[in-house]
Amino acid sequence: MGEEERRFTTVSIPTPLFRKVEERIKGTGFTSVSSYVTYVLREVVSEEEEEAEPFTKEDEERVKERLRALGYLD
């Protein structure tokens, strides 16, 4: 893990939201609201990155060619 990845910053959230998250993580493997929020944010960012890189027309054509070769498409 690089030096930059080990640094932390503070993000403020409304107290009612903090309390809801505290209740939500009870009985889970999350040890703090911060660890849960970090997990959720990583998931959201990861999904956005995946959506940002859709198949190109070239990728689509290669998949279609492969499916034709395997007999799945005419």
C-alpha atoms as a PDB file:
ATOM      1  CA  MET A   1       0.000   0.000   0.000  1.00  0.00           C
ATOM      2  CA  GLY A   2       1.480   3.353  -1.022  1.00  0.00           C
ATOM      3  CA  GLU A   3       1.966   6.306   1.275  1.00  0.00           C
ATOM      4  CA  GLU A   4      -0.933   8.155  -0.342  1.00  0.00           C
ATOM      5  CA  GLU A   5      -3.309   5.223   0.250  1.00  0.00           C
ATOM      6  CA  ARG A   6      -2.538   5.198   3.995  1.00  0.00           C
ATOM      7  CA  ARG A   7      -3.448   8.831   4.533  1.00  0.00           C
ATOM      8  CA  PHE A   8      -6.866   9.758   5.820  1.00  0.00           C
ATOM      9  CA  THR A   9      -9.030  12.846   5.793  1.00  0.00           C
ATOM     10  CA  THR A  10     -12.171  13.818   7.642  1.00  0.00           C
ATOM     11  CA  VAL A  11     -15.583  14.016   6.021  1.00  0.00           C
ATOM     12  CA  SER A  12     -18.532  15.355   7.968  1.00  0.00           C
ATOM     13  CA  ILE A  13     -21.982  13.825   7.716  1.00  0.00           C
ATOM     14  CA  PRO A  14     -25.162  14.851   9.539  1.00  0.00           C
ATOM     15  CA  THR A  15     -25.505  13.311  13.008  1.00  0.00           C
ATOM     16  CA  PRO A  16     -28.855  11.607  12.218  1.00  0.00           C
ATOM     17  CA  LEU A  17     -27.238   9.863   9.245  1.00  0.00           C
ATOM     18  CA  PHE A  18     -24.278   8.830  11.399  1.00  0.00           C
ATOM     19  CA  ARG A  19     -26.681   7.274  13.931  1.00  0.00           C
ATOM     20  CA  LYS A  20     -28.552   5.388  11.175  1.00  0.00           C
ATOM     21  CA  VAL A  21     -25.285   3.983   9.856  1.00  0.00           C
ATOM     22  CA  GLU A  22     -24.263   2.995  13.400  1.00  0.00           C
ATOM     23  CA  GLU A  23     -27.492   1.014  13.725  1.00  0.00           C
ATOM     24  CA  ARG A  24     -27.094  -0.518  10.283  1.00  0.00           C
ATOM     25  CA  ILE A  25     -23.613  -1.910  10.974  1.00  0.00           C
ATOM     26  CA  LYS A  26     -24.448  -3.522  14.313  1.00  0.00           C
ATOM     27  CA  GLY A  27     -23.763  -7.231  14.098  1.00  0.00           C
ATOM     28  CA  THR A  28     -21.723  -6.898  10.900  1.00  0.00           C
ATOM     29  CA  GLY A  29     -18.001  -7.089  10.333  1.00  0.00           C
ATOM     30  CA  PHE A  30     -17.707  -3.321  10.185  1.00  0.00           C
ATOM     31  CA  THR A  31     -15.943  -1.929  13.217  1.00  0.00           C
ATOM     32  CA  SER A  32     -16.827   1.722  12.664  1.00  0.00           C
ATOM     33  CA  VAL A  33     -19.009   4.060  10.688  1.00  0.00           C
ATOM     34  CA  SER A  34     -15.869   5.228   8.890  1.00  0.00           C
ATOM     35  CA  SER A  35     -14.990   1.721   7.707  1.00  0.00           C
ATOM     36  CA  TYR A  36     -18.540   1.182   6.421  1.00  0.00           C
ATOM     37  CA  VAL A  37     -18.670   4.549   4.641  1.00  0.00           C
ATOM     38  CA  THR A  38     -15.264   3.865   3.073  1.00  0.00           C
ATOM     39  CA  TYR A  39     -16.527   0.477   1.829  1.00  0.00           C
ATOM     40  CA  VAL A  40     -19.694   1.995   0.340  1.00  0.00           C
ATOM     41  CA  LEU A  41     -17.810   4.815  -1.367  1.00  0.00           C
ATOM     42  CA  ARG A  42     -15.303   2.377  -2.871  1.00  0.00           C
ATOM     43  CA  GLU A  43     -18.191   0.329  -4.277  1.00  0.00           C
ATOM     44  CA  VAL A  44     -19.853   3.400  -5.794  1.00  0.00           C
ATOM     45  CA  VAL A  45     -16.632   4.671  -7.346  1.00  0.00           C
ATOM     46  CA  SER A  46     -15.829   1.205  -8.676  1.00  0.00           C
ATOM     47  CA  GLU A  47     -19.259   0.928 -10.331  1.00  0.00           C
ATOM     48  CA  GLU A  48     -18.870   4.342 -11.920  1.00  0.00           C
ATOM     49  CA  GLU A  49     -15.455   3.385 -13.308  1.00  0.00           C
ATOM     50  CA  GLU A  50     -16.888   0.203 -14.791  1.00  0.00           C
ATOM     51  CA  GLU A  51     -19.747   2.112 -16.417  1.00  0.00           C
ATOM     52  CA  ALA A  52     -17.317   4.641 -17.853  1.00  0.00           C
ATOM     53  CA  GLU A  53     -15.661   1.947 -19.988  1.00  0.00           C
ATOM     54  CA  PRO A  54     -18.406   0.341 -22.103  1.00  0.00           C
ATOM     55  CA  PHE A  55     -17.714  -2.050 -24.923  1.00  0.00           C
ATOM     56  CA  THR A  56     -16.489  -0.396 -28.077  1.00  0.00           C
ATOM     57  CA  LYS A  57     -17.965  -1.349 -31.444  1.00  0.00           C
ATOM     58  CA  GLU A  58     -14.718  -3.189 -32.088  1.00  0.00           C
ATOM     59  CA  ASP A  59     -15.124  -5.200 -28.854  1.00  0.00           C
ATOM     60  CA  GLU A  60     -18.715  -6.001 -29.760  1.00  0.00           C
ATOM     61  CA  GLU A  61     -17.707  -7.236 -33.206  1.00  0.00           C
ATOM     62  CA  ARG A  62     -14.995  -9.494 -31.748  1.00  0.00           C
ATOM     63  CA  VAL A  63     -17.513 -11.036 -29.354  1.00  0.00           C
ATOM     64  CA  LYS A  64     -20.021 -11.575 -32.165  1.00  0.00           C
ATOM     65  CA  GLU A  65     -17.339 -13.183 -34.353  1.00  0.00           C
ATOM     66  CA  ARG A  66     -16.377 -15.516 -31.531  1.00  0.00           C
ATOM     67  CA  LEU A  67     -20.032 -16.453 -30.895  1.00  0.00           C
ATOM     68  CA  ARG A  68     -20.496 -17.150 -34.623  1.00  0.00           C
ATOM     69  CA  ALA A  69     -17.377 -19.329 -34.627  1.00  0.00           C
ATOM     70  CA  LEU A  70     -18.803 -21.273 -31.687  1.00  0.00           C
ATOM     71  CA  GLY A  71     -22.139 -21.696 -33.489  1.00  0.00           C
ATOM     72  CA  TYR A  72     -24.219 -19.470 -31.202  1.00  0.00           C
ATOM     73  CA  LEU A  73     -24.980 -16.863 -33.880  1.00  0.00           C
ATOM     74  CA  ASP A  74     -25.850 -17.282 -37.548  1.00  0.00           C
END
